[in-house]
Amino acid sequence: MKQQQLSDALNLLDEDLLLETDRIRNRSVWMRFIRYKGISAAACLVLVAATGWGLHQLQHTGIDLPAESTVEITDGDPSDTGVTPQLPVISLERWDWGGMGFEGYMAYDISELVSDNPWDASAPLETLPVFKNKLTVNKDYLLRGGDFDRMEEVLKEVAGRLGLDSENLTITDDAPTEEERQKSLEKFKLTGGEPPEGYYDPTRLMTDADGVGIEIAQSLTATISFEPEVTLPDGYNFTHFASYTDCQKTADWLLEQYSGLIDMEQPTMAIDGGDYNIYRQQKYQIAFYDASGSYTDQLLNYNFNQVVFYCGDDGKMSTARIYQPDLSQKVGDYPILSVEEATQQLSQGNCISSVPSDAI
């Protein structure tokens, strides 16, 4: 891929992926590398339910299966009462993760790392559902498979949750104007290249109304921008200066003020983080998930369906995101490993990670 093509392609990458990549890239090597004691169980969930960072990002952005992978597709429908005898299996022995990033956490002591994940090693859980991701990234690194009708429905739904008139919105997309398209084509000609098929297709829907901007990505992630940014009352903040207690206090305020936007039957705060960046700044993330329903429902909601709030260094709240991927295509209920089995597999190096194998 030529330099200009790469530059233009980067402009089309999902913002969620770019933000998370930047967050991961800012990890530091000057502190002791910390791993959760429960990482074996986490590995189990990553492989089976796609709840780890890597597969979470694949779920958000989509990706094609590598050519070397082996996929066994069966005709049996998943059973509501048990595990289907034959379920699709993907072989990832030769997966090339490229420059994906680093999932490590940096802290002085493991006690600094916190998570409100509802996972419980003692819970009587034998299976977790696996869903097919409808989105893919083609050979030109373009995201494909978005349902724009559904994206418009989500945009109007979010607008309604914000108190906007969802039936009288001006909805646009991010497709370039004819003038922008011609300028881009001229740059391609200078390098002797041509834009890939679908290069100028829209990737997002957006609207602006009453000081609020809403963007819907193909992943159905809704990004809400507050214009102007929201000034929190005195005594409330969740910048990198905020302690865990400060974040808890602010989360209570957010739940009270934005209950309509959160819109959950049993909204539960999830304050995760406690690790440091390269500037030795400790950061927590405030999110909410629906803790109603079964234990499996809670795990799915925590890992896939969250409302997350973001605060700038000036203490003002700039953005909120609603994660709600399409989980309509269930592949089946897959058996999970026990903590002991996962620990053994992990100790033998049988895991998926972007970290070089010698560092695992």
Protein backbone atom coordinates (compact mmCIF):
# COMPACT_ATOMS: atom_id res chain seq x y z
CA MET A 1 0.00 0.00 0.00
CA LYS A 2 1.42 3.38 -1.02
CA GLN A 3 1.94 6.15 1.51
CA GLN A 4 -1.07 8.20 0.37
CA GLN A 5 -3.29 5.14 0.32
CA LEU A 6 -2.16 4.26 3.82
CA SER A 7 -2.79 7.81 5.02
CA ASP A 8 -6.28 7.87 3.55
CA ALA A 9 -7.00 4.40 4.86
CA LEU A 10 -6.06 5.48 8.38
CA ASN A 11 -8.61 8.26 8.12
CA LEU A 12 -11.30 5.65 7.55
CA LEU A 13 -10.41 3.44 10.50
CA ASP A 14 -13.07 3.07 13.17
CA GLU A 15 -12.54 5.79 15.81
CA ASP A 16 -13.09 3.27 18.59
CA LEU A 17 -10.14 1.23 17.32
CA LEU A 18 -7.91 4.30 17.04
CA LEU A 19 -8.76 5.46 20.56
CA GLU A 20 -8.14 2.05 22.06
CA THR A 21 -4.92 1.64 20.06
CA ASP A 22 -3.67 4.97 21.36
CA ARG A 23 -4.59 3.99 24.91
CA ILE A 24 -2.75 0.69 24.63
CA ARG A 25 0.27 2.25 22.93
CA ASN A 26 0.71 4.62 25.86
CA ARG A 27 1.55 1.79 28.22
CA SER A 28 4.97 2.21 29.84
CA VAL A 29 7.82 -0.23 30.30
CA TRP A 30 9.37 1.61 33.23
CA MET A 31 7.08 -0.03 35.74
CA ARG A 32 6.75 -3.61 36.78
CA PHE A 33 4.54 -5.67 34.48
CA ILE A 34 1.47 -6.83 36.38
CA ARG A 35 -0.84 -9.69 35.46
CA TYR A 36 -4.14 -10.50 37.09
CA LYS A 37 -4.20 -13.66 39.15
CA GLY A 38 -7.39 -14.52 37.32
CA ILE A 39 -5.82 -14.21 33.88
CA SER A 40 -6.31 -17.91 33.23
CA ALA A 41 -10.03 -17.53 33.61
CA ALA A 42 -9.91 -14.38 31.50
CA ALA A 43 -8.14 -16.32 28.78
CA CYS A 44 -10.96 -18.82 28.88
CA LEU A 45 -13.49 -16.06 28.28
CA VAL A 46 -11.39 -14.49 25.55
CA LEU A 47 -11.29 -17.69 23.53
CA VAL A 48 -14.88 -18.70 24.00
CA ALA A 49 -16.90 -15.53 24.35
CA ALA A 50 -14.69 -12.93 22.66
CA THR A 51 -14.51 -10.81 25.80
CA GLY A 52 -10.82 -9.90 25.76
CA TRP A 53 -9.41 -6.70 24.27
CA GLY A 54 -8.19 -8.27 21.03
CA LEU A 55 -11.38 -10.07 20.12
CA HIS A 56 -13.41 -7.20 21.58
CA GLN A 57 -11.82 -4.95 18.99
CA LEU A 58 -12.44 -7.48 16.23
CA GLN A 59 -16.05 -7.43 17.29
CA HIS A 60 -16.08 -3.65 17.06
CA THR A 61 -14.31 -3.32 13.74
CA GLY A 62 -14.73 -6.64 11.95
CA ILE A 63 -12.02 -8.70 10.30
CA ASP A 64 -11.73 -11.38 7.64
CA LEU A 65 -10.62 -14.85 8.61
CA PRO A 66 -6.96 -15.52 7.75
CA ALA A 67 -6.50 -17.76 4.74
CA GLU A 68 -4.64 -20.34 6.82
CA SER A 69 -7.47 -20.70 9.33
CA THR A 70 -9.62 -23.79 9.44
CA VAL A 71 -13.34 -23.33 9.95
CA GLU A 72 -15.67 -26.26 10.38
CA ILE A 73 -19.29 -25.26 9.76
CA THR A 74 -22.00 -27.71 10.73
CA ASP A 75 -25.71 -27.77 9.96
CA GLY A 76 -26.83 -28.40 13.52
CA ASP A 77 -28.73 -25.63 15.29
CA PRO A 78 -27.52 -24.67 18.78
CA SER A 79 -29.59 -26.33 21.46
CA ASP A 80 -31.35 -24.25 24.09
CA THR A 81 -30.74 -26.94 26.67
CA GLY A 82 -27.28 -28.20 25.89
CA VAL A 83 -24.20 -27.92 23.75
CA THR A 84 -24.51 -28.77 20.07
CA PRO A 85 -22.41 -31.89 19.37
CA GLN A 86 -20.67 -30.17 16.44
CA LEU A 87 -19.94 -26.46 16.58
CA PRO A 88 -17.88 -24.31 14.18
CA VAL A 89 -14.21 -24.28 15.12
CA ILE A 90 -11.59 -21.77 14.01
CA SER A 91 -7.92 -22.71 13.92
CA LEU A 92 -5.70 -19.72 14.71
CA GLU A 93 -2.29 -21.36 14.72
CA ARG A 94 -0.92 -19.06 12.03
CA TRP A 95 -2.77 -15.86 12.79
CA ASP A 96 -0.62 -12.80 12.08
CA TRP A 97 -1.46 -10.10 14.63
CA GLY A 98 0.87 -7.56 13.03
CA GLY A 99 1.29 -4.34 15.03
CA MET A 100 -1.89 -4.74 16.99
CA GLY A 101 -0.71 -3.43 20.34
CA PHE A 102 -0.02 -4.57 23.87
CA GLU A 103 -2.64 -5.67 26.38
CA GLY A 104 -0.44 -5.31 29.43
CA TYR A 105 -1.33 -3.33 32.55
CA MET A 106 1.24 -1.18 34.31
CA ALA A 107 1.04 -0.62 38.07
CA TYR A 108 3.23 -0.55 41.15
CA ASP A 109 1.13 -3.25 42.79
CA ILE A 110 -1.65 -5.50 41.54
CA SER A 111 -3.95 -4.08 44.22
CA GLU A 112 -4.07 -0.84 42.20
CA LEU A 113 -5.89 -2.59 39.36
CA VAL A 114 -9.65 -2.72 39.73
CA SER A 115 -12.44 -4.29 37.71
CA ASP A 116 -16.19 -4.54 38.17
CA ASN A 117 -16.46 -7.49 35.83
CA PRO A 118 -19.28 -9.69 37.22
CA TRP A 119 -17.33 -12.86 36.37
CA ASP A 120 -17.06 -15.23 39.33
CA ALA A 121 -14.78 -18.26 39.24
CA SER A 122 -17.09 -20.13 41.59
CA ALA A 123 -20.22 -19.60 39.47
CA PRO A 124 -21.73 -22.82 38.04
CA LEU A 125 -21.17 -21.83 34.41
CA GLU A 126 -20.53 -24.51 31.80
CA THR A 127 -21.10 -22.68 28.50
CA LEU A 128 -20.94 -19.21 27.00
CA PRO A 129 -22.57 -18.08 23.75
CA VAL A 130 -20.52 -17.20 20.69
CA PHE A 131 -21.85 -14.78 18.08
CA LYS A 132 -20.94 -14.23 14.45
CA ASN A 133 -19.56 -10.81 13.65
CA LYS A 134 -21.35 -9.45 10.59
CA LEU A 135 -18.60 -6.94 9.87
CA THR A 136 -15.42 -7.70 7.97
CA VAL A 137 -12.33 -5.80 6.89
CA ASN A 138 -11.42 -6.50 3.27
CA LYS A 139 -7.98 -6.69 1.67
CA ASP A 140 -7.95 -2.90 1.29
CA TYR A 141 -8.60 -2.42 5.03
CA LEU A 142 -12.12 -1.14 4.39
CA LEU A 143 -14.88 -2.06 6.80
CA ARG A 144 -17.79 -3.89 5.18
CA GLY A 145 -21.14 -5.31 6.27
CA GLY A 146 -22.73 -2.34 8.02
CA ASP A 147 -26.53 -2.18 8.04
CA PHE A 148 -27.26 1.50 7.39
CA ASP A 149 -30.98 1.12 7.98
CA ARG A 150 -30.23 -0.28 11.42
CA MET A 151 -27.66 2.46 11.98
CA GLU A 152 -30.33 5.09 11.31
CA GLU A 153 -32.68 3.35 13.73
CA VAL A 154 -29.98 3.42 16.41
CA LEU A 155 -29.25 7.08 15.74
CA LYS A 156 -32.91 8.01 16.19
CA GLU A 157 -33.17 5.83 19.29
CA VAL A 158 -30.16 7.53 20.90
CA ALA A 159 -31.52 10.95 19.95
CA GLY A 160 -34.77 10.08 21.70
CA ARG A 161 -32.89 9.00 24.81
CA LEU A 162 -31.27 12.44 24.82
CA GLY A 163 -34.64 14.16 24.62
CA LEU A 164 -34.27 15.21 20.97
CA ASP A 165 -37.03 15.09 18.36
CA SER A 166 -35.92 11.90 16.61
CA GLU A 167 -38.34 12.36 13.70
CA ASN A 168 -37.04 15.79 12.71
CA LEU A 169 -33.30 15.26 12.54
CA THR A 170 -30.97 16.19 9.72
CA ILE A 171 -29.02 12.98 9.19
CA THR A 172 -25.86 12.99 7.09
CA ASP A 173 -23.00 10.57 6.43
CA ASP A 174 -19.24 10.85 6.14
CA ALA A 175 -18.99 10.21 2.39
CA PRO A 176 -16.71 12.84 0.80
CA THR A 177 -18.18 15.65 -1.26
CA GLU A 178 -17.52 15.67 -4.99
CA GLU A 179 -14.84 18.31 -4.47
CA GLU A 180 -13.12 16.23 -1.77
CA ARG A 181 -13.39 13.14 -3.95
CA GLN A 182 -11.72 14.87 -6.91
CA LYS A 183 -8.86 16.14 -4.73
CA SER A 184 -8.32 12.64 -3.40
CA LEU A 185 -8.34 11.17 -6.92
CA GLU A 186 -5.68 13.69 -7.96
CA LYS A 187 -3.45 12.55 -5.09
CA PHE A 188 -3.90 8.93 -6.13
CA LYS A 189 -2.89 9.85 -9.70
CA LEU A 190 0.30 11.52 -8.44
CA THR A 191 1.37 8.23 -6.86
CA GLY A 192 0.23 6.14 -9.81
CA GLY A 193 -2.44 4.38 -7.80
CA GLU A 194 -6.19 4.07 -7.82
CA PRO A 195 -8.65 4.14 -4.93
CA PRO A 196 -9.92 0.70 -3.91
CA GLU A 197 -13.48 -0.21 -4.76
CA GLY A 198 -15.85 1.35 -2.24
CA TYR A 199 -13.16 3.72 -0.96
CA TYR A 200 -15.54 6.67 -0.98
CA ASP A 201 -18.54 4.83 0.44
CA PRO A 202 -20.00 6.20 3.69
CA THR A 203 -18.97 4.53 6.93
CA ARG A 204 -20.95 6.53 9.52
CA LEU A 205 -24.21 8.35 10.05
CA MET A 206 -24.35 11.56 12.06
CA THR A 207 -26.54 14.39 13.25
CA ASP A 208 -26.21 17.58 15.30
CA ALA A 209 -29.01 19.11 17.34
CA ASP A 210 -29.34 21.26 20.46
CA GLY A 211 -25.66 21.16 21.36
CA VAL A 212 -25.30 17.41 20.92
CA GLY A 213 -23.58 15.53 18.12
CA ILE A 214 -24.36 11.86 17.47
CA GLU A 215 -22.35 9.51 15.25
CA ILE A 216 -23.22 5.88 14.57
CA ALA A 217 -20.47 3.56 13.35
CA GLN A 218 -21.06 0.36 11.40
CA SER A 219 -20.43 -1.50 14.65
CA LEU A 220 -23.56 0.32 15.95
CA THR A 221 -21.42 2.14 18.49
CA ALA A 222 -22.99 5.53 19.17
CA THR A 223 -20.58 8.38 19.93
CA ILE A 224 -22.21 11.37 21.60
CA SER A 225 -20.31 14.67 21.62
CA PHE A 226 -21.38 17.40 24.00
CA GLU A 227 -21.04 20.87 22.50
CA PRO A 228 -20.09 22.72 24.60
CA GLU A 229 -18.50 20.20 26.89
CA VAL A 230 -20.31 19.53 30.15
CA THR A 231 -18.91 21.24 33.26
CA LEU A 232 -19.33 18.98 36.26
CA PRO A 233 -20.39 20.42 39.63
CA ASP A 234 -17.70 21.28 42.16
CA GLY A 235 -16.36 18.17 43.85
CA TYR A 236 -16.97 15.90 40.85
CA ASN A 237 -14.37 14.80 38.31
CA PHE A 238 -13.00 11.71 36.64
CA THR A 239 -9.79 12.96 35.05
CA HIS A 240 -6.51 11.09 35.57
CA PHE A 241 -6.18 13.09 38.80
CA ALA A 242 -9.36 11.50 40.19
CA SER A 243 -9.12 8.73 42.76
CA TYR A 244 -11.24 5.60 42.67
CA THR A 245 -13.48 7.14 45.33
CA ASP A 246 -13.84 10.29 43.21
CA CYS A 247 -14.90 8.15 40.26
CA GLN A 248 -17.49 6.32 42.35
CA LYS A 249 -18.95 9.64 43.50
CA THR A 250 -19.00 10.97 39.94
CA ALA A 251 -20.56 7.76 38.63
CA ASP A 252 -23.46 8.22 41.04
CA TRP A 253 -23.95 11.75 39.70
CA LEU A 254 -23.78 10.57 36.07
CA LEU A 255 -26.37 7.88 36.74
CA GLU A 256 -28.70 10.45 38.25
CA GLN A 257 -28.20 13.05 35.53
CA TYR A 258 -28.10 10.75 32.50
CA SER A 259 -30.46 7.94 33.49
CA GLY A 260 -32.42 8.48 30.28
CA LEU A 261 -29.32 8.07 28.15
CA ILE A 262 -28.13 5.03 30.10
CA ASP A 263 -31.65 3.55 29.81
CA MET A 264 -31.14 0.22 31.57
CA GLU A 265 -33.41 -1.94 33.69
CA GLN A 266 -30.76 -2.40 36.38
CA PRO A 267 -27.91 0.04 35.63
CA THR A 268 -24.73 -0.97 37.44
CA MET A 269 -21.55 1.07 37.55
CA ALA A 270 -18.39 -0.52 36.23
CA ILE A 271 -15.26 1.36 37.24
CA ASP A 272 -12.27 -0.35 35.68
CA GLY A 273 -8.60 0.57 35.43
CA GLY A 274 -6.06 1.81 37.93
CA ASP A 275 -3.13 1.33 35.59
CA TYR A 276 -0.71 4.05 34.48
CA ASN A 277 0.31 5.64 31.20
CA ILE A 278 3.77 6.85 30.16
CA TYR A 279 3.22 10.07 32.10
CA ARG A 280 2.65 8.13 35.32
CA GLN A 281 -0.98 9.17 35.27
CA GLN A 282 -3.39 6.67 36.80
CA LYS A 283 -6.69 6.38 35.01
CA TYR A 284 -10.08 4.80 35.66
CA GLN A 285 -12.97 4.42 33.25
CA ILE A 286 -16.57 4.98 34.26
CA ALA A 287 -19.10 2.78 32.50
CA PHE A 288 -22.52 1.28 33.15
CA TYR A 289 -23.99 -2.08 32.19
CA ASP A 290 -27.35 -3.75 32.79
CA ALA A 291 -27.08 -6.28 35.62
CA SER A 292 -30.61 -7.60 35.12
CA GLY A 293 -31.27 -11.05 33.72
CA SER A 294 -29.31 -14.25 34.10
CA TYR A 295 -25.66 -14.51 35.05
CA THR A 296 -24.79 -15.08 31.39
CA ASP A 297 -26.80 -11.98 30.44
CA GLN A 298 -24.79 -9.95 32.93
CA LEU A 299 -21.50 -11.18 31.47
CA LEU A 300 -22.65 -10.34 27.95
CA ASN A 301 -23.89 -6.91 28.94
CA TYR A 302 -20.66 -6.09 30.78
CA ASN A 303 -18.49 -7.13 27.85
CA PHE A 304 -20.59 -5.94 24.92
CA ASN A 305 -23.33 -3.50 25.98
CA GLN A 306 -21.95 -0.60 27.98
CA VAL A 307 -22.47 3.14 28.23
CA VAL A 308 -19.09 4.81 28.81
CA PHE A 309 -18.39 8.43 29.76
CA TYR A 310 -15.18 10.34 28.95
CA CYS A 311 -13.65 13.36 30.68
CA GLY A 312 -10.90 15.67 29.42
CA ASP A 313 -7.91 16.88 31.41
CA ASP A 314 -9.76 20.13 32.05
CA GLY A 315 -12.40 18.23 34.04
CA LYS A 316 -15.16 18.71 31.48
CA MET A 317 -17.12 15.79 30.05
CA SER A 318 -16.73 15.71 26.29
CA THR A 319 -18.06 12.39 25.11
CA ALA A 320 -20.20 9.38 25.88
CA ARG A 321 -20.35 6.13 23.95
CA ILE A 322 -23.03 3.49 23.77
CA TYR A 323 -21.73 0.06 22.76
CA GLN A 324 -24.44 -2.22 21.41
CA PRO A 325 -23.10 -4.58 18.72
CA ASP A 326 -25.36 -6.81 16.68
CA LEU A 327 -25.47 -10.14 18.54
CA SER A 328 -28.37 -11.53 16.52
CA GLN A 329 -26.40 -14.31 14.82
CA LYS A 330 -25.66 -16.78 17.57
CA VAL A 331 -23.30 -19.56 16.55
CA GLY A 332 -23.89 -21.71 19.60
CA ASP A 333 -23.25 -22.30 23.28
CA TYR A 334 -19.61 -23.29 23.65
CA PRO A 335 -18.21 -25.20 26.64
CA ILE A 336 -15.75 -23.22 28.74
CA LEU A 337 -12.66 -24.36 30.59
CA SER A 338 -12.44 -24.48 34.33
CA VAL A 339 -9.93 -22.17 36.02
CA GLU A 340 -7.62 -25.13 36.57
CA GLU A 341 -7.84 -26.24 32.94
CA ALA A 342 -7.29 -22.69 31.69
CA THR A 343 -4.29 -22.27 33.98
CA GLN A 344 -2.73 -25.42 32.59
CA GLN A 345 -3.35 -24.36 28.99
CA LEU A 346 -1.93 -20.89 29.65
CA SER A 347 1.18 -22.29 31.33
CA GLN A 348 1.77 -24.39 28.22
CA GLY A 349 1.56 -21.33 25.98
CA ASN A 350 -1.78 -22.30 24.46
CA CYS A 351 -3.24 -18.81 24.25
CA ILE A 352 -3.84 -15.96 21.83
CA SER A 353 -1.89 -12.78 22.47
CA SER A 354 -0.26 -9.92 20.58
CA VAL A 355 2.62 -10.18 23.06
CA PRO A 356 5.65 -12.09 21.69
CA SER A 357 5.54 -15.68 22.88
CA ASP A 358 8.83 -15.33 24.77
CA ALA A 359 7.23 -12.64 26.95
CA ILE A 360 4.18 -14.69 27.94
